[in-house]
Amino acid sequence: SYLKMSKEELKSEFETVKKEYARLTSMGFNLDMSRGKPGADQMD
């Protein structure tokens, strides 16, 4: 649990998460999960 981590443990975890986030942002995604629309396969 993050709620049970010390400040040093949180800092270490944050560095790991920031690296993963930077990796994801470099991949040029264009994704959308904003509206509940049926997909083309459903409409077919």
All heavy atoms as atom14 arrays in JSON, in Angstrom:
{
  "sequence": "SYLKMSKEELKSEFETVKKEYARLTSMGFNLDMSRGKPGADQMD",
  "atom14_mask": [
    [1, 1, 1, 1, 1, 1, 0, 0, 0, 0, 0, 0, 0, 0],
    [1, 1, 1, 1, 1, 1, 1, 1, 1, 1, 1, 1, 0, 0],
    [1, 1, 1, 1, 1, 1, 1, 1, 0, 0, 0, 0, 0, 0],
    [1, 1, 1, 1, 1, 1, 1, 1, 1, 0, 0, 0, 0, 0],
    [1, 1, 1, 1, 1, 1, 1, 1, 0, 0, 0, 0, 0, 0],
    [1, 1, 1, 1, 1, 1, 0, 0, 0, 0, 0, 0, 0, 0],
    [1, 1, 1, 1, 1, 1, 1, 1, 1, 0, 0, 0, 0, 0],
    [1, 1, 1, 1, 1, 1, 1, 1, 1, 0, 0, 0, 0, 0],
    [1, 1, 1, 1, 1, 1, 1, 1, 1, 0, 0, 0, 0, 0],
    [1, 1, 1, 1, 1, 1, 1, 1, 0, 0, 0, 0, 0, 0],
    [1, 1, 1, 1, 1, 1, 1, 1, 1, 0, 0, 0, 0, 0],
    [1, 1, 1, 1, 1, 1, 0, 0, 0, 0, 0, 0, 0, 0],
    [1, 1, 1, 1, 1, 1, 1, 1, 1, 0, 0, 0, 0, 0],
    [1, 1, 1, 1, 1, 1, 1, 1, 1, 1, 1, 0, 0, 0],
    [1, 1, 1, 1, 1, 1, 1, 1, 1, 0, 0, 0, 0, 0],
    [1, 1, 1, 1, 1, 1, 1, 0, 0, 0, 0, 0, 0, 0],
    [1, 1, 1, 1, 1, 1, 1, 0, 0, 0, 0, 0, 0, 0],
    [1, 1, 1, 1, 1, 1, 1, 1, 1, 0, 0, 0, 0, 0],
    [1, 1, 1, 1, 1, 1, 1, 1, 1, 0, 0, 0, 0, 0],
    [1, 1, 1, 1, 1, 1, 1, 1, 1, 0, 0, 0, 0, 0],
    [1, 1, 1, 1, 1, 1, 1, 1, 1, 1, 1, 1, 0, 0],
    [1, 1, 1, 1, 1, 0, 0, 0, 0, 0, 0, 0, 0, 0],
    [1, 1, 1, 1, 1, 1, 1, 1, 1, 1, 1, 0, 0, 0],
    [1, 1, 1, 1, 1, 1, 1, 1, 0, 0, 0, 0, 0, 0],
    [1, 1, 1, 1, 1, 1, 1, 0, 0, 0, 0, 0, 0, 0],
    [1, 1, 1, 1, 1, 1, 0, 0, 0, 0, 0, 0, 0, 0],
    [1, 1, 1, 1, 1, 1, 1, 1, 0, 0, 0, 0, 0, 0],
    [1, 1, 1, 1, 0, 0, 0, 0, 0, 0, 0, 0, 0, 0],
    [1, 1, 1, 1, 1, 1, 1, 1, 1, 1, 1, 0, 0, 0],
    [1, 1, 1, 1, 1, 1, 1, 1, 0, 0, 0, 0, 0, 0],
    [1, 1, 1, 1, 1, 1, 1, 1, 0, 0, 0, 0, 0, 0],
    [1, 1, 1, 1, 1, 1, 1, 1, 0, 0, 0, 0, 0, 0],
    [1, 1, 1, 1, 1, 1, 1, 1, 0, 0, 0, 0, 0, 0],
    [1, 1, 1, 1, 1, 1, 0, 0, 0, 0, 0, 0, 0, 0],
    [1, 1, 1, 1, 1, 1, 1, 1, 1, 1, 1, 0, 0, 0],
    [1, 1, 1, 1, 0, 0, 0, 0, 0, 0, 0, 0, 0, 0],
    [1, 1, 1, 1, 1, 1, 1, 1, 1, 0, 0, 0, 0, 0],
    [1, 1, 1, 1, 1, 1, 1, 0, 0, 0, 0, 0, 0, 0],
    [1, 1, 1, 1, 0, 0, 0, 0, 0, 0, 0, 0, 0, 0],
    [1, 1, 1, 1, 1, 0, 0, 0, 0, 0, 0, 0, 0, 0],
    [1, 1, 1, 1, 1, 1, 1, 1, 0, 0, 0, 0, 0, 0],
    [1, 1, 1, 1, 1, 1, 1, 1, 1, 0, 0, 0, 0, 0],
    [1, 1, 1, 1, 1, 1, 1, 1, 0, 0, 0, 0, 0, 0],
    [1, 1, 1, 1, 1, 1, 1, 1, 0, 0, 0, 0, 0, 0]
  ],
  "atom14_positions": [
    [[0.83, -1.2, 0.0], [0.0, 0.0, 0.0], [0.87, 1.25, 0.0], [1.83, 1.36, 0.78], [-0.9, 0.01, 1.24], [-1.49, 1.27, 1.42], [0.0, 0.0, 0.0], [0.0, 0.0, 0.0], [0.0, 0.0, 0.0], [0.0, 0.0, 0.0], [0.0, 0.0, 0.0], [0.0, 0.0, 0.0], [0.0, 0.0, 0.0], [0.0, 0.0, 0.0]],
    [[0.53, 2.19, -0.87], [1.24, 3.47, -0.87], [1.06, 4.19, 0.46], [1.91, 4.98, 0.87], [0.73, 4.36, -2.01], [1.28, 4.03, -3.38], [2.13, 2.95, -3.59], [0.97, 4.82, -4.47], [2.63, 2.65, -4.85], [1.47, 4.54, -5.74], [2.3, 3.45, -5.92], [2.8, 3.17, -7.17], [0.0, 0.0, 0.0], [0.0, 0.0, 0.0]],
    [[-0.09, 3.95, 1.1], [-0.38, 4.65, 2.35], [0.52, 4.19, 3.49], [0.64, 4.87, 4.51], [-1.85, 4.45, 2.73], [-2.89, 4.86, 1.7], [-4.29, 4.71, 2.26], [-2.66, 6.3, 1.22], [0.0, 0.0, 0.0], [0.0, 0.0, 0.0], [0.0, 0.0, 0.0], [0.0, 0.0, 0.0], [0.0, 0.0, 0.0], [0.0, 0.0, 0.0]],
    [[1.16, 3.04, 3.32], [2.02, 2.5, 4.38], [3.51, 2.69, 4.08], [4.36, 2.28, 4.86], [1.72, 1.01, 4.56], [0.31, 0.74, 5.06], [-0.01, -0.75, 5.11], [-1.45, -0.96, 5.57], [-1.84, -2.4, 5.54], [0.0, 0.0, 0.0], [0.0, 0.0, 0.0], [0.0, 0.0, 0.0], [0.0, 0.0, 0.0], [0.0, 0.0, 0.0]],
    [[3.81, 3.32, 2.95], [5.21, 3.55, 2.58], [5.79, 4.76, 3.31], [5.09, 5.75, 3.58], [5.34, 3.77, 1.07], [5.18, 2.52, 0.22], [5.49, 2.9, -1.53], [5.29, 1.29, -2.27], [0.0, 0.0, 0.0], [0.0, 0.0, 0.0], [0.0, 0.0, 0.0], [0.0, 0.0, 0.0], [0.0, 0.0, 0.0], [0.0, 0.0, 0.0]],
    [[7.08, 4.67, 3.59], [7.79, 5.83, 4.12], [8.01, 6.84, 3.01], [7.82, 6.54, 1.82], [9.14, 5.39, 4.69], [9.99, 4.95, 3.63], [0.0, 0.0, 0.0], [0.0, 0.0, 0.0], [0.0, 0.0, 0.0], [0.0, 0.0, 0.0], [0.0, 0.0, 0.0], [0.0, 0.0, 0.0], [0.0, 0.0, 0.0], [0.0, 0.0, 0.0]],
    [[8.47, 8.04, 3.39], [8.72, 9.06, 2.37], [9.8, 8.61, 1.4], [9.7, 8.84, 0.19], [9.12, 10.37, 3.04], [9.21, 11.53, 2.04], [9.3, 12.87, 2.74], [9.25, 14.01, 1.72], [9.29, 15.33, 2.37], [0.0, 0.0, 0.0], [0.0, 0.0, 0.0], [0.0, 0.0, 0.0], [0.0, 0.0, 0.0], [0.0, 0.0, 0.0]],
    [[10.82, 7.95, 1.9], [11.9, 7.47, 1.03], [11.4, 6.4, 0.07], [11.78, 6.38, -1.11], [13.07, 6.94, 1.87], [13.82, 8.02, 2.63], [14.28, 9.16, 1.74], [14.88, 8.88, 0.68], [14.01, 10.33, 2.07], [0.0, 0.0, 0.0], [0.0, 0.0, 0.0], [0.0, 0.0, 0.0], [0.0, 0.0, 0.0], [0.0, 0.0, 0.0]],
    [[10.55, 5.53, 0.57], [9.97, 4.49, -0.29], [9.08, 5.1, -1.37], [9.1, 4.67, -2.53], [9.17, 3.49, 0.55], [10.04, 2.57, 1.4], [9.22, 1.73, 2.34], [8.2, 2.23, 2.88], [9.61, 0.57, 2.58], [0.0, 0.0, 0.0], [0.0, 0.0, 0.0], [0.0, 0.0, 0.0], [0.0, 0.0, 0.0], [0.0, 0.0, 0.0]],
    [[8.31, 6.13, -0.99], [7.46, 6.82, -1.96], [8.31, 7.5, -3.04], [7.96, 7.48, -4.23], [6.58, 7.85, -1.26], [5.43, 7.3, -0.39], [4.79, 8.42, 0.41], [4.38, 6.6, -1.24], [0.0, 0.0, 0.0], [0.0, 0.0, 0.0], [0.0, 0.0, 0.0], [0.0, 0.0, 0.0], [0.0, 0.0, 0.0], [0.0, 0.0, 0.0]],
    [[9.42, 8.12, -2.63], [10.3, 8.79, -3.59], [10.87, 7.78, -4.6], [10.92, 8.04, -5.8], [11.44, 9.49, -2.86], [11.05, 10.79, -2.19], [12.27, 11.43, -1.54], [11.94, 12.78, -0.91], [13.13, 13.37, -0.25], [0.0, 0.0, 0.0], [0.0, 0.0, 0.0], [0.0, 0.0, 0.0], [0.0, 0.0, 0.0], [0.0, 0.0, 0.0]],
    [[11.3, 6.64, -4.08], [11.85, 5.61, -4.96], [10.8, 5.09, -5.94], [11.07, 4.92, -7.13], [12.39, 4.45, -4.11], [12.84, 3.39, -4.92], [0.0, 0.0, 0.0], [0.0, 0.0, 0.0], [0.0, 0.0, 0.0], [0.0, 0.0, 0.0], [0.0, 0.0, 0.0], [0.0, 0.0, 0.0], [0.0, 0.0, 0.0], [0.0, 0.0, 0.0]],
    [[9.6, 4.86, -5.43], [8.5, 4.4, -6.3], [8.15, 5.45, -7.34], [7.89, 5.13, -8.5], [7.27, 4.08, -5.42], [6.02, 3.69, -6.19], [6.08, 2.31, -6.83], [7.12, 1.61, -6.67], [5.1, 1.92, -7.5], [0.0, 0.0, 0.0], [0.0, 0.0, 0.0], [0.0, 0.0, 0.0], [0.0, 0.0, 0.0], [0.0, 0.0, 0.0]],
    [[8.17, 6.72, -6.92], [7.83, 7.8, -7.84], [8.84, 7.87, -8.98], [8.47, 8.11, -10.14], [7.75, 9.12, -7.09], [7.08, 10.23, -7.85], [6.15, 9.97, -8.85], [7.37, 11.56, -7.57], [5.5, 10.99, -9.54], [6.74, 12.59, -8.26], [5.82, 12.3, -9.25], [0.0, 0.0, 0.0], [0.0, 0.0, 0.0], [0.0, 0.0, 0.0]],
    [[10.11, 7.67, -8.7], [11.13, 7.69, -9.75], [10.86, 6.59, -10.77], [10.99, 6.79, -11.98], [12.52, 7.54, -9.15], [13.0, 8.76, -8.4], [12.97, 10.02, -9.25], [13.48, 9.97, -10.4], [12.44, 11.05, -8.77], [0.0, 0.0, 0.0], [0.0, 0.0, 0.0], [0.0, 0.0, 0.0], [0.0, 0.0, 0.0], [0.0, 0.0, 0.0]],
    [[10.47, 5.42, -10.29], [10.16, 4.29, -11.18], [8.95, 4.61, -12.06], [8.96, 4.37, -13.28], [9.87, 3.02, -10.36], [11.02, 2.7, -9.58], [9.51, 1.85, -11.25], [0.0, 0.0, 0.0], [0.0, 0.0, 0.0], [0.0, 0.0, 0.0], [0.0, 0.0, 0.0], [0.0, 0.0, 0.0], [0.0, 0.0, 0.0], [0.0, 0.0, 0.0]],
    [[7.91, 5.17, -11.44], [6.68, 5.5, -12.18], [6.95, 6.61, -13.19], [6.44, 6.57, -14.33], [5.55, 5.89, -11.2], [4.35, 6.46, -11.96], [5.11, 4.67, -10.39], [0.0, 0.0, 0.0], [0.0, 0.0, 0.0], [0.0, 0.0, 0.0], [0.0, 0.0, 0.0], [0.0, 0.0, 0.0], [0.0, 0.0, 0.0], [0.0, 0.0, 0.0]],
    [[7.74, 7.6, -12.83], [8.05, 8.69, -13.76], [8.8, 8.19, -14.99], [8.53, 8.64, -16.11], [8.87, 9.78, -13.05], [8.04, 10.68, -12.16], [8.75, 11.97, -11.81], [9.87, 11.75, -10.85], [10.46, 13.05, -10.38], [0.0, 0.0, 0.0], [0.0, 0.0, 0.0], [0.0, 0.0, 0.0], [0.0, 0.0, 0.0], [0.0, 0.0, 0.0]],
    [[9.69, 7.24, -14.79], [10.4, 6.66, -15.94], [9.45, 5.91, -16.86], [9.55, 6.0, -18.09], [11.5, 5.73, -15.44], [12.69, 6.44, -14.81], [13.71, 5.45, -14.28], [14.87, 6.18, -13.61], [15.84, 5.24, -13.0], [0.0, 0.0, 0.0], [0.0, 0.0, 0.0], [0.0, 0.0, 0.0], [0.0, 0.0, 0.0], [0.0, 0.0, 0.0]],
    [[8.53, 5.17, -16.26], [7.55, 4.44, -17.08], [6.64, 5.41, -17.82], [6.31, 5.2, -19.0], [6.73, 3.5, -16.19], [5.61, 2.76, -16.89], [6.09, 1.81, -17.98], [7.32, 1.59, -18.13], [5.23, 1.3, -18.73], [0.0, 0.0, 0.0], [0.0, 0.0, 0.0], [0.0, 0.0, 0.0], [0.0, 0.0, 0.0], [0.0, 0.0, 0.0]],
    [[6.23, 6.49, -17.15], [5.38, 7.49, -17.79], [6.13, 8.15, -18.96], [5.56, 8.35, -20.04], [4.95, 8.55, -16.78], [4.06, 9.62, -17.38], [2.72, 9.37, -17.7], [4.57, 10.9, -17.66], [1.91, 10.34, -18.27], [3.77, 11.87, -18.23], [2.45, 11.59, -18.53], [1.65, 12.56, -19.09], [0.0, 0.0, 0.0], [0.0, 0.0, 0.0]],
    [[7.4, 8.47, -18.77], [8.19, 9.08, -19.84], [8.31, 8.13, -21.03], [8.26, 8.55, -22.19], [9.59, 9.44, -19.31], [0.0, 0.0, 0.0], [0.0, 0.0, 0.0], [0.0, 0.0, 0.0], [0.0, 0.0, 0.0], [0.0, 0.0, 0.0], [0.0, 0.0, 0.0], [0.0, 0.0, 0.0], [0.0, 0.0, 0.0], [0.0, 0.0, 0.0]],
    [[8.45, 6.85, -20.75], [8.53, 5.86, -21.84], [7.22, 5.85, -22.63], [7.24, 5.82, -23.87], [8.8, 4.47, -21.26], [8.99, 3.39, -22.32], [9.13, 2.01, -21.69], [7.88, 1.53, -21.15], [6.91, 0.95, -21.88], [7.06, 0.81, -23.19], [5.81, 0.52, -21.3], [0.0, 0.0, 0.0], [0.0, 0.0, 0.0], [0.0, 0.0, 0.0]],
    [[6.1, 5.88, -21.92], [4.79, 5.85, -22.59], [4.56, 7.11, -23.42], [4.05, 7.05, -24.54], [3.68, 5.69, -21.55], [3.62, 4.34, -20.82], [2.65, 4.39, -19.65], [3.22, 3.21, -21.77], [0.0, 0.0, 0.0], [0.0, 0.0, 0.0], [0.0, 0.0, 0.0], [0.0, 0.0, 0.0], [0.0, 0.0, 0.0], [0.0, 0.0, 0.0]],
    [[4.94, 8.26, -22.88], [4.7, 9.51, -23.61], [5.54, 9.59, -24.88], [5.19, 10.31, -25.82], [5.0, 10.75, -22.73], [6.34, 10.67, -22.25], [4.05, 10.82, -21.55], [0.0, 0.0, 0.0], [0.0, 0.0, 0.0], [0.0, 0.0, 0.0], [0.0, 0.0, 0.0], [0.0, 0.0, 0.0], [0.0, 0.0, 0.0], [0.0, 0.0, 0.0]],
    [[6.65, 8.87, -24.92], [7.53, 8.91, -26.1], [7.03, 8.05, -27.24], [7.58, 8.09, -28.34], [8.94, 8.45, -25.7], [8.96, 7.05, -25.43], [0.0, 0.0, 0.0], [0.0, 0.0, 0.0], [0.0, 0.0, 0.0], [0.0, 0.0, 0.0], [0.0, 0.0, 0.0], [0.0, 0.0, 0.0], [0.0, 0.0, 0.0], [0.0, 0.0, 0.0]],
    [[5.96, 7.28, -27.0], [5.52, 6.3, -27.99], [4.49, 6.86, -28.98], [4.07, 6.17, -29.9], [4.97, 5.05, -27.29], [6.05, 4.36, -26.47], [5.49, 2.86, -25.63], [5.36, 1.74, -27.02], [0.0, 0.0, 0.0], [0.0, 0.0, 0.0], [0.0, 0.0, 0.0], [0.0, 0.0, 0.0], [0.0, 0.0, 0.0], [0.0, 0.0, 0.0]],
    [[4.05, 8.1, -28.77], [3.17, 8.75, -29.75], [1.79, 8.15, -29.88], [1.24, 8.05, -30.98], [0.0, 0.0, 0.0], [0.0, 0.0, 0.0], [0.0, 0.0, 0.0], [0.0, 0.0, 0.0], [0.0, 0.0, 0.0], [0.0, 0.0, 0.0], [0.0, 0.0, 0.0], [0.0, 0.0, 0.0], [0.0, 0.0, 0.0], [0.0, 0.0, 0.0]],
    [[1.19, 7.76, -28.74], [-0.14, 7.16, -28.77], [-1.21, 8.21, -29.13], [-1.06, 9.4, -28.86], [-0.49, 6.55, -27.42], [0.29, 5.31, -27.08], [1.03, 5.23, -25.91], [0.29, 4.21, -27.93], [1.75, 4.09, -25.59], [1.01, 3.07, -27.63], [1.75, 3.01, -26.45], [0.0, 0.0, 0.0], [0.0, 0.0, 0.0], [0.0, 0.0, 0.0]],
    [[-2.29, 7.73, -29.7], [-3.48, 8.55, -29.97], [-4.7, 7.68, -29.64], [-5.27, 7.04, -30.52], [-3.51, 9.03, -31.41], [-4.68, 9.93, -31.7], [-5.31, 10.47, -30.79], [-5.02, 10.09, -32.97], [0.0, 0.0, 0.0], [0.0, 0.0, 0.0], [0.0, 0.0, 0.0], [0.0, 0.0, 0.0], [0.0, 0.0, 0.0], [0.0, 0.0, 0.0]],
    [[-5.06, 7.65, -28.37], [-6.08, 6.72, -27.87], [-7.24, 7.5, -27.26], [-7.06, 8.6, -26.73], [-5.47, 5.79, -26.81], [-4.2, 5.04, -27.24], [-3.53, 4.4, -26.04], [-4.54, 4.0, -28.29], [0.0, 0.0, 0.0], [0.0, 0.0, 0.0], [0.0, 0.0, 0.0], [0.0, 0.0, 0.0], [0.0, 0.0, 0.0], [0.0, 0.0, 0.0]],
    [[-8.43, 6.91, -27.31], [-9.62, 7.62, -26.85], [-10.57, 6.67, -26.14], [-11.09, 5.73, -26.74], [-10.33, 8.27, -28.04], [-11.45, 9.23, -27.64], [-11.9, 9.17, -26.48], [-11.87, 10.03, -28.48], [0.0, 0.0, 0.0], [0.0, 0.0, 0.0], [0.0, 0.0, 0.0], [0.0, 0.0, 0.0], [0.0, 0.0, 0.0], [0.0, 0.0, 0.0]],
    [[-10.78, 6.92, -24.84], [-11.81, 6.17, -24.09], [-12.73, 7.17, -23.4], [-13.05, 7.05, -22.23], [-11.17, 5.22, -23.07], [-10.52, 4.01, -23.69], [-10.44, 2.55, -22.62], [-9.33, 3.11, -21.34], [0.0, 0.0, 0.0], [0.0, 0.0, 0.0], [0.0, 0.0, 0.0], [0.0, 0.0, 0.0], [0.0, 0.0, 0.0], [0.0, 0.0, 0.0]],
    [[-13.17, 8.17, -24.17], [-13.94, 9.26, -23.58], [-15.45, 9.13, -23.72], [-16.2, 9.68, -22.91], [-13.5, 10.6, -24.19], [-13.78, 10.64, -25.58], [0.0, 0.0, 0.0], [0.0, 0.0, 0.0], [0.0, 0.0, 0.0], [0.0, 0.0, 0.0], [0.0, 0.0, 0.0], [0.0, 0.0, 0.0], [0.0, 0.0, 0.0], [0.0, 0.0, 0.0]],
    [[-15.94, 8.42, -24.74], [-17.38, 8.33, -24.95], [-17.79, 6.87, -25.12], [-17.05, 6.06, -25.67], [-17.83, 9.1, -26.21], [-17.58, 10.58, -26.21], [-18.16, 11.37, -25.07], [-19.57, 11.12, -24.77], [-20.27, 11.84, -23.9], [-19.71, 12.84, -23.26], [-21.52, 11.56, -23.65], [0.0, 0.0, 0.0], [0.0, 0.0, 0.0], [0.0, 0.0, 0.0]],
    [[-19.0, 6.58, -24.65], [-19.5, 5.21, -24.72], [-20.16, 4.91, -26.06], [-21.38, 4.69, -26.12], [0.0, 0.0, 0.0], [0.0, 0.0, 0.0], [0.0, 0.0, 0.0], [0.0, 0.0, 0.0], [0.0, 0.0, 0.0], [0.0, 0.0, 0.0], [0.0, 0.0, 0.0], [0.0, 0.0, 0.0], [0.0, 0.0, 0.0], [0.0, 0.0, 0.0]],
    [[-19.36, 4.9, -27.11], [-19.89, 4.63, -28.45], [-19.66, 3.17, -28.82], [-18.61, 2.62, -28.52], [-19.2, 5.53, -29.47], [-19.34, 7.01, -29.25], [-18.8, 7.81, -30.41], [-17.31, 7.63, -30.59], [-16.75, 8.51, -31.65], [0.0, 0.0, 0.0], [0.0, 0.0, 0.0], [0.0, 0.0, 0.0], [0.0, 0.0, 0.0], [0.0, 0.0, 0.0]],
    [[-20.61, 2.55, -29.52], [-20.34, 1.22, -30.07], [-19.21, 1.29, -31.09], [-19.08, 2.27, -31.83], [-21.66, 0.83, -30.74], [-22.69, 1.72, -30.14], [-21.99, 2.99, -29.8], [0.0, 0.0, 0.0], [0.0, 0.0, 0.0], [0.0, 0.0, 0.0], [0.0, 0.0, 0.0], [0.0, 0.0, 0.0], [0.0, 0.0, 0.0], [0.0, 0.0, 0.0]],
    [[-18.41, 0.24, -31.15], [-17.37, 0.16, -32.15], [-17.92, -0.24, -33.5], [-19.06, -0.71, -33.62], [0.0, 0.0, 0.0], [0.0, 0.0, 0.0], [0.0, 0.0, 0.0], [0.0, 0.0, 0.0], [0.0, 0.0, 0.0], [0.0, 0.0, 0.0], [0.0, 0.0, 0.0], [0.0, 0.0, 0.0], [0.0, 0.0, 0.0], [0.0, 0.0, 0.0]],
    [[-17.09, -0.09, -34.53], [-17.52, -0.45, -35.88], [-17.89, -1.92, -35.97], [-18.82, -2.3, -36.7], [-16.41, -0.12, -36.87], [0.0, 0.0, 0.0], [0.0, 0.0, 0.0], [0.0, 0.0, 0.0], [0.0, 0.0, 0.0], [0.0, 0.0, 0.0], [0.0, 0.0, 0.0], [0.0, 0.0, 0.0], [0.0, 0.0, 0.0], [0.0, 0.0, 0.0]],
    [[-17.17, -2.77, -35.2], [-17.48, -4.2, -35.23], [-18.86, -4.49, -34.67], [-19.56, -5.4, -35.12], [-16.41, -5.0, -34.47], [-16.05, -4.42, -33.11], [-16.59, -3.35, -32.75], [-15.19, -5.03, -32.44], [0.0, 0.0, 0.0], [0.0, 0.0, 0.0], [0.0, 0.0, 0.0], [0.0, 0.0, 0.0], [0.0, 0.0, 0.0], [0.0, 0.0, 0.0]],
    [[-19.29, -3.69, -33.7], [-20.65, -3.85, -33.17], [-21.69, -3.4, -34.19], [-22.71, -4.06, -34.38], [-20.82, -3.05, -31.88], [-20.08, -3.61, -30.69], [-20.27, -2.73, -29.48], [-19.42, -1.91, -29.16], [-21.4, -2.87, -28.81], [0.0, 0.0, 0.0], [0.0, 0.0, 0.0], [0.0, 0.0, 0.0], [0.0, 0.0, 0.0], [0.0, 0.0, 0.0]],
    [[-21.44, -2.27, -34.81], [-22.42, -1.76, -35.79], [-22.52, -2.68, -36.99], [-23.59, -2.8, -37.61], [-22.05, -0.34, -36.2], [-22.24, 0.66, -35.05], [-21.96, 2.38, -35.51], [-20.18, 2.4, -35.68], [0.0, 0.0, 0.0], [0.0, 0.0, 0.0], [0.0, 0.0, 0.0], [0.0, 0.0, 0.0], [0.0, 0.0, 0.0], [0.0, 0.0, 0.0]],
    [[-21.43, -3.37, -37.32], [-21.47, -4.32, -38.43], [-22.44, -5.47, -38.18], [-22.91, -6.11, -39.13], [-20.07, -4.89, -38.69], [-19.16, -3.91, -39.4], [-19.68, -2.91, -39.96], [-17.93, -4.12, -39.39], [0.0, 0.0, 0.0], [0.0, 0.0, 0.0], [0.0, 0.0, 0.0], [0.0, 0.0, 0.0], [0.0, 0.0, 0.0], [0.0, 0.0, 0.0]]
  ]
}
